[in-house]
Protein backbone atom coordinates (compact mmCIF):
# COMPACT_ATOMS: atom_id res chain seq x y z
CA MET A 1 -0.08 -0.09 0.03
CA ARG A 2 1.43 3.36 -1.00
CA GLY A 3 2.41 5.58 2.02
CA GLN A 4 0.25 8.63 0.88
CA SER A 5 -2.69 6.86 0.39
CA LEU A 6 -2.71 5.86 4.28
CA VAL A 7 -3.52 9.40 5.14
CA GLY A 8 -7.25 9.84 5.88
CA ARG A 9 -7.70 5.95 6.70
CA VAL A 10 -8.90 4.69 9.70
CA GLY A 11 -7.37 1.95 11.59
CA VAL A 12 -7.34 0.12 15.02
CA VAL A 13 -4.62 0.43 17.77
CA VAL A 14 -3.06 -3.53 18.04
CA THR A 15 -0.45 -2.38 20.81
CA ALA A 16 -0.86 0.74 22.64
CA VAL A 17 0.52 3.94 21.39
CA ARG A 18 2.44 5.66 24.42
CA GLY A 19 2.60 8.94 23.28
CA GLY A 20 5.29 11.39 21.83
CA ASP A 21 8.27 9.45 20.40
CA ARG A 22 7.13 5.96 21.82
CA PRO A 23 4.99 4.20 18.96
CA GLY A 24 2.39 1.60 19.24
CA GLU A 25 1.18 -0.49 16.36
CA ILE A 26 -2.00 -0.08 14.14
CA ARG A 27 -3.93 -2.49 11.87
CA ILE A 28 -5.63 -1.16 8.83
CA VAL A 29 -7.32 -3.50 6.39
CA VAL A 30 -7.41 -2.74 2.87
CA GLN A 31 -9.79 -4.86 0.61
CA GLY A 32 -9.60 -7.67 3.22
CA VAL A 33 -5.96 -7.58 3.78
CA PRO A 34 -4.65 -6.46 7.21
CA HIS A 35 -1.58 -4.11 7.28
CA HIS A 36 0.32 -3.19 10.24
CA TYR A 37 2.24 -0.15 10.92
CA LEU A 38 4.39 1.59 13.76
CA ALA A 39 2.17 4.64 14.97
CA TYR A 40 2.86 7.70 17.01
CA ALA A 41 0.70 10.10 18.57
CA ALA A 42 0.99 13.07 20.97
CA GLU A 43 -0.69 11.59 23.68
CA PRO A 44 -1.31 7.93 24.70
CA VAL A 45 -3.74 5.92 22.74
CA PRO A 46 -5.00 2.50 24.27
CA SER A 47 -5.54 -0.82 22.34
CA GLY A 48 -8.77 -1.09 20.58
CA THR A 49 -9.14 2.69 20.02
CA HIS A 50 -10.09 3.55 16.21
CA VAL A 51 -7.29 5.96 14.99
CA LEU A 52 -7.14 8.34 11.93
CA VAL A 53 -3.75 8.33 10.14
CA VAL A 54 -2.91 12.13 9.43
CA HIS A 55 0.76 11.84 8.32
CA PHE A 56 3.20 9.08 6.60
CA ARG A 57 6.56 9.11 7.88
CA GLY A 58 7.82 6.56 5.66
CA ALA A 59 9.14 2.79 6.35
CA ARG A 60 5.91 1.54 7.67
CA GLN A 61 5.56 4.60 10.30
CA VAL A 62 2.35 7.13 10.57
CA ASP A 63 1.12 9.73 13.01
CA VAL A 64 -2.23 9.25 14.05
CA GLU A 65 -5.17 10.53 16.22
CA PRO A 66 -8.11 9.06 18.23
CA TRP A 67 -10.99 8.76 15.95
CA SER A 68 -14.59 8.30 16.51
CA PRO A 69 -15.92 6.20 13.53
CA MET A 70 -19.57 6.86 12.38
CA PRO A 71 -22.33 4.34 12.75
CA GLY A 72 -22.15 2.13 9.44
CA ASP A 73 -18.53 3.50 8.69
CA HIS A 74 -16.76 0.35 6.82
CA THR A 75 -13.38 2.10 6.75
CA THR A 76 -11.66 -0.40 8.97
CA THR A 77 -12.89 -3.47 7.64
CA GLY A 78 -11.96 -2.97 3.79
């Protein structure tokens, strides 16, 4: 998956993002295929939280923000 196409996608935190320069891991499902990325956020984000990718750092690393999906939003399932 191309890096810039990640921006604006919604994923789920798999391993808690600890905040600042301490990453966690997120999963983004695209066309039924899960992709995993190291994720950074300004503040800690617990496992299971939906997040929005706001910046692609390269080398499978992204910046994220907590996100509340709308009812019926299927962005995390493909």
